[in-house]
Protein backbone atom coordinates (compact mmCIF):
# COMPACT_ATOMS: atom_id res chain seq x y z
CA UNK A 1 111.57 67.41 111.93
CA UNK A 2 109.50 69.89 113.95
CA UNK A 3 109.12 69.58 117.72
CA UNK A 4 105.46 68.54 117.42
CA UNK A 5 106.37 65.74 115.00
CA UNK A 6 109.16 64.61 117.32
CA UNK A 7 106.79 64.58 120.27
CA UNK A 8 104.24 62.63 118.25
CA UNK A 9 106.87 60.08 117.27
CA UNK A 10 108.13 59.81 120.83
CA UNK A 11 104.61 59.08 122.09
CA UNK A 12 104.14 56.35 119.50
CA UNK A 13 107.48 54.83 120.41
CA UNK A 14 106.52 54.61 124.09
CA UNK A 15 103.35 52.75 123.14
CA UNK A 16 105.30 50.46 120.79
CA UNK A 17 107.72 49.61 123.62
CA UNK A 18 104.81 48.92 125.96
CA UNK A 19 105.69 51.80 128.29
CA UNK A 20 102.42 53.66 127.72
CA UNK A 21 98.91 52.35 126.99
CA UNK A 22 97.67 52.49 123.42
CA UNK A 23 94.56 54.38 122.40
CA UNK A 24 93.01 51.08 121.36
CA UNK A 25 93.96 47.43 121.49
CA UNK A 26 92.30 44.86 119.23
CA UNK A 27 92.69 41.46 120.86
CA UNK A 28 91.51 37.92 120.34
CA UNK A 29 91.81 37.97 116.56
CA UNK A 30 93.91 36.42 113.84
CA UNK A 31 96.06 39.06 112.19
CA UNK A 32 96.40 38.69 108.41
CA UNK A 33 100.07 39.14 107.51
CA UNK A 34 100.04 40.07 103.83
CA UNK A 35 103.85 40.16 103.72
CA UNK A 36 104.44 36.48 104.51
CA UNK A 37 100.95 35.02 104.08
CA UNK A 38 100.74 33.92 107.71
CA UNK A 39 98.07 34.33 110.35
CA UNK A 40 99.26 35.61 113.74
CA UNK A 41 97.36 35.56 116.99
CA UNK A 42 98.42 38.79 118.66
CA UNK A 43 97.12 42.01 120.14
CA UNK A 44 97.23 44.95 117.74
CA UNK A 45 97.97 48.23 119.50
CA UNK A 46 96.70 51.37 117.76
CA UNK A 47 97.84 54.84 118.74
CA UNK A 48 97.39 58.20 117.06
CA UNK A 49 95.85 56.58 113.97
CA UNK A 50 98.64 54.09 113.26
CA UNK A 51 99.49 50.56 114.31
CA UNK A 52 101.98 50.91 117.17
CA UNK A 53 102.76 47.24 117.57
CA UNK A 54 101.76 43.58 117.53
CA UNK A 55 102.23 41.42 120.59
CA UNK A 56 100.82 41.82 124.10
CA UNK A 57 99.61 45.34 124.85
CA UNK A 58 97.51 47.42 127.23
CA UNK A 59 95.16 50.08 125.97
CA UNK A 60 92.74 52.74 127.14
CA UNK A 61 90.14 50.82 125.14
CA UNK A 62 90.11 47.14 124.24
CA UNK A 63 87.92 45.34 121.69
CA UNK A 64 87.77 41.55 121.66
CA UNK A 65 87.58 40.32 118.06
CA UNK A 66 86.41 36.88 119.24
CA UNK A 67 88.44 34.87 116.77
CA UNK A 68 87.76 37.04 113.71
CA UNK A 69 90.40 37.88 111.11
CA UNK A 70 92.02 41.32 111.21
CA UNK A 71 93.00 42.39 107.69
CA UNK A 72 94.14 45.64 106.11
CA UNK A 73 91.32 47.82 104.81
CA UNK A 74 90.61 47.29 101.12
CA UNK A 75 91.93 49.65 98.42
CA UNK A 76 90.25 50.12 95.02
CA UNK A 77 93.02 51.19 92.69
CA UNK A 78 90.77 52.29 89.84
CA UNK A 79 87.22 53.53 90.20
CA UNK A 80 85.13 56.20 88.54
CA UNK A 81 83.05 57.58 91.40
CA UNK A 82 80.60 59.09 88.93
CA UNK A 83 79.81 55.65 87.49
CA UNK A 84 78.24 54.67 90.81
CA UNK A 85 75.78 57.59 90.36
CA UNK A 86 76.67 58.58 93.93
CA UNK A 87 78.71 61.59 95.01
CA UNK A 88 81.86 60.76 97.02
CA UNK A 89 80.18 61.30 100.39
CA UNK A 90 77.29 58.96 99.60
CA UNK A 91 79.63 56.41 98.02
CA UNK A 92 81.72 56.34 101.19
CA UNK A 93 78.61 55.59 103.22
CA UNK A 94 77.84 52.70 100.86
CA UNK A 95 81.27 51.01 100.65
CA UNK A 96 82.83 51.61 104.08
CA UNK A 97 80.75 48.83 105.72
CA UNK A 98 82.17 46.41 103.12
CA UNK A 99 85.73 46.96 104.30
CA UNK A 100 86.83 49.61 101.80
CA UNK A 101 89.25 52.07 103.37
CA UNK A 102 90.70 53.86 100.34
CA UNK A 103 89.74 54.60 96.75
CA UNK A 104 91.98 55.88 93.97
CA UNK A 105 89.52 57.58 91.65
CA UNK A 106 89.74 58.96 88.15
CA UNK A 107 87.49 62.05 87.94
CA UNK A 108 87.63 62.38 84.19
CA UNK A 109 83.84 62.01 83.95
CA UNK A 110 83.11 65.20 85.86
CA UNK A 111 86.21 66.87 84.42
CA UNK A 112 84.81 66.32 80.92
CA UNK A 113 81.76 68.26 82.07
CA UNK A 114 83.23 70.91 84.40
CA UNK A 115 87.01 70.89 83.96
CA UNK A 116 89.21 71.73 86.96
CA UNK A 117 86.16 72.98 88.87
CA UNK A 118 84.77 69.46 88.78
CA UNK A 119 87.96 67.98 90.24
CA UNK A 120 87.95 70.57 93.03
CA UNK A 121 84.31 69.72 93.77
CA UNK A 122 85.17 66.02 94.08
CA UNK A 123 88.10 66.77 96.38
CA UNK A 124 85.98 68.96 98.63
CA UNK A 125 83.05 66.53 98.82
CA UNK A 126 85.40 63.66 99.72
CA UNK A 127 87.01 65.24 102.79
CA UNK A 128 86.61 63.82 106.29
CA UNK A 129 84.77 60.66 105.25
CA UNK A 130 85.09 57.07 106.54
CA UNK A 131 86.83 56.24 103.25
CA UNK A 132 89.97 58.06 102.10
CA UNK A 133 89.75 59.31 98.51
CA UNK A 134 92.76 59.96 96.32
CA UNK A 135 92.45 61.12 92.73
CA UNK A 136 94.53 61.00 89.59
CA UNK A 137 94.47 63.99 87.26
CA UNK A 138 92.39 63.14 84.17
CA UNK A 139 94.62 62.89 81.12
CA UNK A 140 91.92 62.96 78.45
CA UNK A 141 89.61 65.95 78.66
CA UNK A 142 88.23 65.65 76.07
CA UNK A 143 88.94 61.96 75.65
CA UNK A 144 89.50 62.41 71.91
CA UNK A 145 89.31 65.05 69.20
CA UNK A 146 86.30 63.18 67.80
CA UNK A 147 83.77 64.49 70.34
CA UNK A 148 82.77 67.67 72.16
CA UNK A 149 83.29 67.85 75.90
CA UNK A 150 82.37 70.55 78.39
CA UNK A 151 85.98 71.44 79.07
CA UNK A 152 89.51 71.04 77.79
CA UNK A 153 92.47 70.31 80.05
CA UNK A 154 95.83 70.69 78.39
CA UNK A 155 99.27 70.15 79.95
CA UNK A 156 99.26 73.59 81.57
CA UNK A 157 95.88 73.10 83.24
CA UNK A 158 96.79 69.60 84.44
CA UNK A 159 100.07 70.86 85.88
CA UNK A 160 98.05 73.02 88.28
CA UNK A 161 96.84 69.87 90.03
CA UNK A 162 100.37 68.71 90.86
CA UNK A 163 100.30 70.75 94.06
CA UNK A 164 96.81 69.73 95.13
CA UNK A 165 96.53 67.45 98.12
CA UNK A 166 95.29 63.93 97.31
CA UNK A 167 96.25 64.12 93.62
CA UNK A 168 98.58 61.16 93.07
CA UNK A 169 99.43 61.00 89.38
CA UNK A 170 98.02 60.93 85.87
CA UNK A 171 94.81 59.01 85.24
CA UNK A 172 94.34 56.48 82.47
CA UNK A 173 95.91 57.75 79.26
CA UNK A 174 93.10 56.73 76.95
CA UNK A 175 94.41 58.34 73.81
CA UNK A 176 96.71 55.40 73.15
CA UNK A 177 96.88 56.12 69.39
CA UNK A 178 98.14 59.60 70.27
CA UNK A 179 100.75 58.20 72.64
CA UNK A 180 102.01 55.67 70.11
CA UNK A 181 102.16 58.30 67.37
CA UNK A 182 104.00 60.75 69.63
CA UNK A 183 101.31 63.44 69.76
CA UNK A 184 103.10 66.45 71.36
CA UNK A 185 100.25 67.47 73.69
CA UNK A 186 99.72 63.93 74.97
CA UNK A 187 103.45 63.52 75.60
CA UNK A 188 103.60 66.87 77.43
CA UNK A 189 100.88 65.66 79.82
CA UNK A 190 102.84 62.50 80.54
CA UNK A 191 106.09 64.40 81.02
CA UNK A 192 104.41 66.80 83.48
CA UNK A 193 103.66 63.85 85.77
CA UNK A 194 107.06 62.18 85.44
CA UNK A 195 107.95 60.29 88.59
CA UNK A 196 104.31 59.83 89.58
CA UNK A 197 101.95 56.93 88.86
CA UNK A 198 100.89 56.93 85.21
CA UNK A 199 97.79 54.84 84.57
CA UNK A 200 97.27 53.28 81.18
CA UNK A 201 94.30 52.40 79.01
CA UNK A 202 95.23 50.39 75.95
CA UNK A 203 92.59 47.82 74.96
CA UNK A 204 93.92 45.13 72.62
CA UNK A 205 97.22 47.00 72.12
CA UNK A 206 100.05 44.57 71.40
CA UNK A 207 103.45 44.12 69.80
CA UNK A 208 105.50 47.14 68.82
CA UNK A 209 102.64 49.57 69.43
CA UNK A 210 102.46 48.30 73.02
CA UNK A 211 106.22 48.73 73.29
CA UNK A 212 105.87 52.34 72.17
CA UNK A 213 103.07 52.97 74.65
CA UNK A 214 105.22 51.67 77.49
CA UNK A 215 108.26 53.65 76.40
CA UNK A 216 106.15 56.80 76.84
CA UNK A 217 105.42 55.93 80.48
CA UNK A 218 101.92 54.57 81.25
CA UNK A 219 102.44 51.28 83.04
CA UNK A 220 99.10 49.83 84.13
CA UNK A 221 96.01 48.63 82.31
CA UNK A 222 92.49 47.77 83.44
CA UNK A 223 91.15 47.17 79.92
CA UNK A 224 92.44 43.63 79.31
CA UNK A 225 89.63 41.33 78.24
CA UNK A 226 91.49 38.15 77.32
CA UNK A 227 94.32 36.14 78.84
CA UNK A 228 96.71 36.45 75.92
CA UNK A 229 96.49 40.24 75.95
CA UNK A 230 96.96 40.45 79.72
CA UNK A 231 99.89 37.99 79.69
CA UNK A 232 101.78 40.08 77.15
CA UNK A 233 101.23 43.25 79.18
CA UNK A 234 102.41 41.55 82.38
CA UNK A 235 105.49 40.28 80.55
CA UNK A 236 106.24 43.83 79.42
CA UNK A 237 106.20 45.14 82.99
CA UNK A 238 102.70 46.57 83.28
CA UNK A 239 100.60 46.47 86.41
CA UNK A 240 97.62 44.27 85.57
CA UNK A 241 94.41 45.72 86.98
CA UNK A 242 91.97 42.81 86.90
CA UNK A 243 88.59 44.45 86.42
CA UNK A 244 85.34 43.13 87.78
CA UNK A 245 82.83 45.92 87.47
CA UNK A 246 79.20 46.19 86.57
CA UNK A 247 79.74 46.70 82.84
CA UNK A 248 82.92 44.71 82.18
CA UNK A 249 83.59 41.51 84.12
CA UNK A 250 87.04 40.12 83.40
CA UNK A 251 88.05 38.45 86.66
CA UNK A 252 87.30 34.83 85.74
CA UNK A 253 89.16 35.13 82.44
CA UNK A 254 92.27 36.83 83.83
CA UNK A 255 92.63 35.33 87.30
CA UNK A 256 94.67 32.28 86.13
CA UNK A 257 97.47 34.73 85.30
CA UNK A 258 97.93 35.46 89.01
CA UNK A 259 100.82 33.20 90.02
CA UNK A 260 103.41 33.40 92.81
CA UNK A 261 105.73 35.16 90.37
CA UNK A 262 103.24 37.56 88.74
CA UNK A 263 101.09 38.32 91.78
CA UNK A 264 103.20 41.29 92.88
CA UNK A 265 102.17 43.16 89.68
CA UNK A 266 98.45 42.41 89.92
CA UNK A 267 95.52 44.10 91.62
CA UNK A 268 91.75 43.82 91.43
CA UNK A 269 89.68 46.91 90.65
CA UNK A 270 86.07 47.77 89.95
CA UNK A 271 86.38 50.59 87.38
CA UNK A 272 82.61 51.09 87.64
CA UNK A 273 80.15 49.77 90.20
CA UNK A 274 76.40 50.05 89.75
CA UNK A 275 74.27 50.98 92.80
CA UNK A 276 72.42 47.65 92.68
CA UNK A 277 75.70 45.73 92.73
CA UNK A 278 76.92 47.80 95.66
CA UNK A 279 73.75 46.96 97.58
CA UNK A 280 73.54 43.28 96.61
CA UNK A 281 77.17 42.23 96.52
CA UNK A 282 79.26 44.92 98.14
CA UNK A 283 82.48 46.32 96.81
CA UNK A 284 85.98 44.83 96.87
CA UNK A 285 84.91 42.21 99.40
CA UNK A 286 82.89 40.64 96.59
CA UNK A 287 85.92 40.56 94.28
CA UNK A 288 88.01 38.85 96.95
CA UNK A 289 85.24 36.31 97.59
CA UNK A 290 84.97 35.58 93.86
CA UNK A 291 88.72 35.18 93.47
CA UNK A 292 88.88 32.69 96.33
CA UNK A 293 85.87 30.78 94.99
CA UNK A 294 87.73 30.48 91.67
CA UNK A 295 90.72 28.92 93.40
CA UNK A 296 93.01 31.80 94.37
CA UNK A 297 94.68 31.54 97.76
CA UNK A 298 92.94 33.90 100.26
CA UNK A 299 96.19 35.66 101.15
CA UNK A 300 96.94 36.32 97.50
CA UNK A 301 93.41 37.58 96.93
CA UNK A 302 93.72 39.97 99.87
CA UNK A 303 97.08 41.29 98.63
CA UNK A 304 95.41 42.19 95.33
CA UNK A 305 93.18 44.70 97.14
CA UNK A 306 95.52 45.86 99.91
CA UNK A 307 99.30 45.82 99.65
CA UNK A 308 99.56 45.71 95.87
CA UNK A 309 97.42 48.78 95.08
CA UNK A 310 99.20 50.67 97.86
CA UNK A 311 102.55 49.86 96.27
CA UNK A 312 101.34 50.65 92.77
CA UNK A 313 100.28 54.16 93.84
CA UNK A 314 103.24 54.77 96.17
CA UNK A 315 100.97 55.04 99.19
CA UNK A 316 103.53 54.66 101.92
CA UNK A 317 102.71 52.50 104.92
CA UNK A 318 99.25 51.52 103.74
CA UNK A 319 97.81 48.16 102.85
CA UNK A 320 99.14 46.00 105.72
CA UNK A 321 98.77 45.46 109.46
CA UNK A 322 102.26 46.41 110.63
CA UNK A 323 103.96 48.79 113.08
CA UNK A 324 103.97 52.35 111.81
CA UNK A 325 101.37 51.62 109.13
CA UNK A 326 97.99 53.34 108.88
CA UNK A 327 95.42 51.68 111.12
CA UNK A 328 92.90 51.19 108.31
CA UNK A 329 91.55 47.77 109.15
CA UNK A 330 88.74 45.35 108.29
CA UNK A 331 87.50 42.69 110.69
CA UNK A 332 86.42 39.60 108.71
CA UNK A 333 84.36 36.66 109.90
CA UNK A 334 86.25 34.23 107.66
CA UNK A 335 88.53 34.01 104.64
CA UNK A 336 85.96 32.41 102.38
CA UNK A 337 82.88 34.63 102.28
CA UNK A 338 84.69 37.71 103.63
CA UNK A 339 81.75 39.05 105.60
CA UNK A 340 82.91 42.31 107.18
CA UNK A 341 82.03 42.79 110.85
CA UNK A 342 83.80 46.04 111.61
CA UNK A 343 85.89 48.67 109.83
CA UNK A 344 88.45 51.00 111.38
CA UNK A 345 89.84 54.11 109.72
CA UNK A 346 92.96 55.59 111.28
CA UNK A 347 92.18 53.49 114.33
CA UNK A 348 88.65 54.75 114.75
CA UNK A 349 85.65 52.43 114.42
CA UNK A 350 83.67 53.83 111.47
CA UNK A 351 81.40 50.96 110.41
CA UNK A 352 79.90 47.90 112.05
CA UNK A 353 77.65 45.11 110.82
CA UNK A 354 76.72 46.77 107.55
CA UNK A 355 76.28 50.39 108.60
CA UNK A 356 78.37 53.51 108.99
CA UNK A 357 78.31 54.69 112.60
CA UNK A 358 78.48 58.43 111.88
CA UNK A 359 76.86 59.21 108.49
CA UNK A 360 78.13 62.34 106.81
CA UNK A 361 76.65 64.26 103.87
CA UNK A 362 78.71 67.36 103.05
CA UNK A 363 77.18 69.51 100.28
CA UNK A 364 78.42 69.30 96.71
CA UNK A 365 79.50 72.38 94.76
CA UNK A 366 76.51 74.37 93.52
CA UNK A 367 78.11 74.93 90.11
CA UNK A 368 77.47 71.27 89.33
CA UNK A 369 73.71 71.91 89.27
CA UNK A 370 73.73 73.87 86.02
CA UNK A 371 75.52 71.80 83.39
CA UNK A 372 72.73 70.73 81.01
CA UNK A 373 72.81 73.14 78.05
CA UNK A 374 71.60 71.24 74.98
CA UNK A 375 70.19 73.06 71.93
CA UNK A 376 66.46 73.56 71.61
CA UNK A 377 65.07 70.27 70.40
CA UNK A 378 62.08 69.38 68.23
CA UNK A 379 60.94 66.27 66.41
CA UNK A 380 62.14 67.82 63.16
CA UNK A 381 65.60 68.50 64.61
CA UNK A 382 65.99 64.80 65.43
CA UNK A 383 65.27 63.64 61.88
CA UNK A 384 68.01 62.68 59.43
CA UNK A 385 67.59 61.92 55.75
CA UNK A 386 68.38 58.39 54.63
CA UNK A 387 71.30 59.20 52.36
CA UNK A 388 72.34 55.72 51.25
CA UNK A 389 70.99 52.23 50.62
CA UNK A 390 72.97 50.74 53.52
CA UNK A 391 74.00 51.99 56.92
CA UNK A 392 76.59 51.22 59.59
CA UNK A 393 75.19 49.74 62.79
CA UNK A 394 76.72 49.67 66.26
CA UNK A 395 76.26 46.19 67.74
CA UNK A 396 76.45 45.63 71.49
CA UNK A 397 78.64 42.79 72.78
CA UNK A 398 77.05 41.14 75.83
CA UNK A 399 79.07 41.67 79.01
CA UNK A 400 81.61 43.97 77.36
CA UNK A 401 82.07 47.64 76.57
CA UNK A 402 83.48 46.60 73.19
CA UNK A 403 81.09 46.99 70.25
CA UNK A 404 81.03 45.53 66.75
CA UNK A 405 80.29 47.14 63.39
CA UNK A 406 77.68 45.76 61.02
CA UNK A 407 76.33 46.94 57.68
CA UNK A 408 72.56 46.74 57.17
CA UNK A 409 70.03 47.83 54.58
CA UNK A 410 68.97 51.32 55.66
CA UNK A 411 65.67 51.36 57.57
CA UNK A 412 63.66 54.26 56.12
CA UNK A 413 60.16 55.61 55.66
CA UNK A 414 61.17 56.62 52.15
CA UNK A 415 62.80 59.88 53.22
CA UNK A 416 64.11 59.70 56.77
CA UNK A 417 66.07 57.17 58.77
CA UNK A 418 63.80 55.10 61.02
CA UNK A 419 64.08 52.35 63.60
CA UNK A 420 63.29 48.74 62.73
CA UNK A 421 62.21 46.52 65.65
CA UNK A 422 62.10 43.43 63.41
CA UNK A 423 65.87 43.71 62.93
CA UNK A 424 66.51 45.02 66.47
CA UNK A 425 67.58 48.40 65.11
CA UNK A 426 66.98 51.42 67.32
CA UNK A 427 67.78 54.97 66.38
CA UNK A 428 70.76 56.32 68.30
CA UNK A 429 71.35 60.05 68.73
CA UNK A 430 74.01 61.98 70.64
CA UNK A 431 73.19 65.63 71.43
CA UNK A 432 75.97 68.00 72.50
CA UNK A 433 74.81 69.24 75.90
CA UNK A 434 77.57 71.58 77.10
CA UNK A 435 76.42 74.65 75.18
CA UNK A 436 79.38 74.52 72.82
CA UNK A 437 77.98 73.88 69.33
CA UNK A 438 74.62 72.05 69.45
CA UNK A 439 75.88 69.08 67.42
CA UNK A 440 73.67 66.03 66.82
CA UNK A 441 75.31 62.73 65.93
CA UNK A 442 73.07 60.10 64.30
CA UNK A 443 73.37 56.34 64.19
CA UNK A 444 71.73 52.93 64.60
CA UNK A 445 72.09 50.53 67.52
CA UNK A 446 71.48 46.78 67.73
CA UNK A 447 71.30 44.83 70.95
CA UNK A 448 68.84 46.73 73.14
CA UNK A 449 65.88 44.72 71.90
CA UNK A 450 63.73 47.86 71.81
CA UNK A 451 60.08 47.45 70.85
CA UNK A 452 58.77 50.98 71.45
CA UNK A 453 59.46 54.21 73.32
CA UNK A 454 62.84 55.79 74.04
CA UNK A 455 65.64 56.05 76.55
CA UNK A 456 67.66 59.17 77.33
CA UNK A 457 70.73 59.64 79.50
CA UNK A 458 73.24 62.34 80.36
CA UNK A 459 75.69 59.59 81.40
CA UNK A 460 77.56 58.90 78.16
CA UNK A 461 81.27 58.19 78.50
CA UNK A 462 83.45 60.13 78.26
CA UNK A 463 82.21 63.53 77.16
CA UNK A 464 78.80 62.91 78.72
CA UNK A 465 76.67 64.43 76.06
CA UNK A 466 72.96 63.57 75.92
CA UNK A 467 72.52 60.10 74.41
CA UNK A 468 69.15 58.88 73.12
CA UNK A 469 67.96 55.53 71.84
CA UNK A 470 64.42 54.94 70.63
CA UNK A 471 61.88 53.86 68.10
CA UNK A 472 60.04 57.09 67.24
CA UNK A 473 60.78 60.82 67.23
CA UNK A 474 58.09 61.80 69.74
CA UNK A 475 59.37 59.38 72.38
CA UNK A 476 62.95 60.47 71.74
CA UNK A 477 61.99 64.12 72.15
CA UNK A 478 60.03 63.52 75.37
CA UNK A 479 62.91 61.65 76.99
CA UNK A 480 65.53 64.19 75.90
CA UNK A 481 63.57 67.18 77.16
CA UNK A 482 62.93 65.55 80.54
CA UNK A 483 66.61 64.80 81.14
CA UNK A 484 67.47 68.40 80.33
CA UNK A 485 64.77 69.67 82.71
CA UNK A 486 66.13 67.52 85.56
CA UNK A 487 69.63 68.93 85.15
CA UNK A 488 70.73 65.51 84.01
CA UNK A 489 69.74 61.93 84.65
CA UNK A 490 68.08 58.91 83.09
CA UNK A 491 64.61 58.70 81.57
CA UNK A 492 62.26 56.23 79.88
CA UNK A 493 59.49 57.72 77.75
CA UNK A 494 56.74 56.50 75.48
CA UNK A 495 55.37 59.06 73.07
CA UNK A 496 54.46 62.07 75.27
CA UNK A 497 54.63 60.26 78.62
CA UNK A 498 57.57 59.95 80.97
CA UNK A 499 57.42 56.40 82.36
CA UNK A 500 60.26 56.68 84.90
CA UNK A 501 63.28 58.81 85.69
CA UNK A 502 66.38 59.06 87.88
CA UNK A 503 67.55 62.63 88.54
CA UNK A 504 71.34 63.07 88.46
CA UNK A 505 71.65 66.80 89.08
CA UNK A 506 75.36 66.85 90.00
CA UNK A 507 77.03 67.52 86.63
CA UNK A 508 74.36 65.29 85.06
CA UNK A 509 76.30 62.33 86.47
CA UNK A 510 75.58 61.87 90.16
CA UNK A 511 72.83 62.04 92.73
CA UNK A 512 73.22 63.69 96.11
CA UNK A 513 70.84 61.14 97.61
CA UNK A 514 71.74 58.01 99.63
CA UNK A 515 72.28 54.66 97.96
CA UNK A 516 68.88 53.28 98.93
CA UNK A 517 67.02 56.25 97.44
CA UNK A 518 68.92 55.92 94.16
CA UNK A 519 68.21 52.18 94.08
CA UNK A 520 64.47 52.77 94.52
CA UNK A 521 64.54 55.23 91.62
CA UNK A 522 66.53 52.79 89.52
CA UNK A 523 64.08 49.98 90.29
CA UNK A 524 61.25 52.06 88.86
CA UNK A 525 63.43 52.90 85.87
CA UNK A 526 64.26 49.22 85.31
CA UNK A 527 60.59 48.25 85.34
CA UNK A 528 59.77 50.98 82.84
CA UNK A 529 62.67 50.10 80.54
CA UNK A 530 61.65 46.42 80.60
CA UNK A 531 58.31 47.49 79.17
CA UNK A 532 59.98 48.99 76.09
CA UNK A 533 63.12 46.89 75.54
CA UNK A 534 64.62 43.47 76.26
CA UNK A 535 68.14 44.39 77.39
CA UNK A 536 68.60 43.71 81.13
CA UNK A 537 70.69 46.86 81.70
CA UNK A 538 69.95 49.19 78.78
CA UNK A 539 71.25 52.36 80.44
CA UNK A 540 74.54 50.71 81.29
CA UNK A 541 74.90 49.65 77.67
CA UNK A 542 73.84 53.07 76.44
CA UNK A 543 76.43 54.83 78.57
CA UNK A 544 79.27 53.11 76.70
CA UNK A 545 78.14 53.43 73.06
CA UNK A 546 79.71 56.90 73.03
CA UNK A 547 83.07 55.77 74.44
CA UNK A 548 85.31 56.62 71.50
CA UNK A 549 88.42 54.98 72.96
CA UNK A 550 86.99 51.43 73.09
CA UNK A 551 86.80 49.44 69.83
CA UNK A 552 85.20 49.15 67.44
CA UNK A 553 82.36 51.49 66.38
CA UNK A 554 80.97 54.28 68.58
CA UNK A 555 78.86 57.44 68.21
CA UNK A 556 79.73 60.95 69.35
CA UNK A 557 78.02 64.29 68.82
CA UNK A 558 80.20 64.65 65.73
CA UNK A 559 79.10 61.37 64.18
CA UNK A 560 80.12 57.71 63.93
CA UNK A 561 83.65 56.92 65.12
CA UNK A 562 85.71 54.03 63.80
CA UNK A 563 87.88 53.53 66.90
CA UNK A 564 90.33 51.21 65.15
CA UNK A 565 91.09 53.90 62.56
CA UNK A 566 90.48 56.67 65.11
CA UNK A 567 88.46 58.70 62.64
CA UNK A 568 84.91 59.70 61.80
CA UNK A 569 83.09 57.57 59.24
CA UNK A 570 79.84 58.05 57.36
CA UNK A 571 76.63 56.56 58.67
CA UNK A 572 75.45 55.65 55.17
CA UNK A 573 77.39 53.54 52.67
CA UNK A 574 76.82 52.58 49.05
């Protein structure tokens, strides 16, 4: 131990013993003890960014909490920053006032666009913020061999991140068929991160295939959608990440599995969080409130977003209010609604009554502004001949990222595939946008309730190619061209007119604007999309129809993907 570290420790010890005043003392509150589930009325002394002690203390500064509850700051153990449409700096400004102190993010969205450069950009933009960001190295870039991404990260490239600060482990291993089958490259990625957290992603996996997946190493899952599935995974030793995001909402279904015996292996996560939900409901504070309203004990609910995620990711001395632990703290009005009064990071007051006290907006890497490279598009290029009497259709499942497969009589004008509003069939097209090959995947989509016009988005999990849904070629072309011109984003078009748009110039995934600005843009987009389709969140739905690791039928730039068989299938059938 160096002299400076010894001196630092000695100073903390003097404060802990009460021989020297603390930097800050929080008094008059009820301390939430997540270890024993008790409430303790005591001063909390904070010195040099950590909790020095609980008891009776003097400090250079004292804040009276006036009977409020002092809890550990909240930790989101699985979030895709890019899915919020905000860059890390703007996301921190949005979630810090809601009690969030730490986020463990999976940057595989931007990595699928920019590779290692994208991860570095996220690390740089997330420094010195009122929320601490850790990242896991993305295991699936590309997510599968059935699509074209903007980069490819093999075991050697991923190993470079092992020495990077704030890289914890390996992010969700989505290629579960590859793991189960023993794919050498997938196994090499897992082996490279041996001894570190290995996040899983195995929707509906069960029985011996689940056993094989666990033998390989991934030991958490956020993709459980039913109680039976989640119970089996808990019984096999997995960490159960109970997801309540904007696209998939599984908390009510899975919460009954949280018992005094299983609780230690459970945590609540968001996975994705839409800007409107951040503004209306908050972040993890909303998940805790929901859990308590559904009958979970408040202490248990708090552990699921504090101590448990810290333990799962080996974050030492985080997630509790205890001597020697990080002074990341949330002051709560009550343990029912969980309104957050104040937030402290490393003992410093960073947010109060819904606002960050010192807003920060560090610039994002300039390379992220030039990632839209689709082929030259025309109405003719978007056409596809109707090559069979029947066609496969992707059907949306309300409230889920799962989709179903249907077979329908092919909608056609006699030569080319068309949309059919009477049967709720929209044309679906995925355009490779990374400048790799110019592929166009063609399909049909049911569930948007489209009547006219088109939607286009550069947010299309996980390879983030340009995804289009619409009723006529002109509208499809207008929307596609506008998204490309913006450097990425979302667009609603009708024939030759752009009705509304949301620019997402950072890798085609994120805005560099504050939450409120993005919400105003999204409100205009929502009004425009309501004029052409019935789905309440069509862009959210559209972003997941390309996700080739979620059953059952998806579309990539290479064509239709049968996820259950993990292979390409023909659009047209006899």
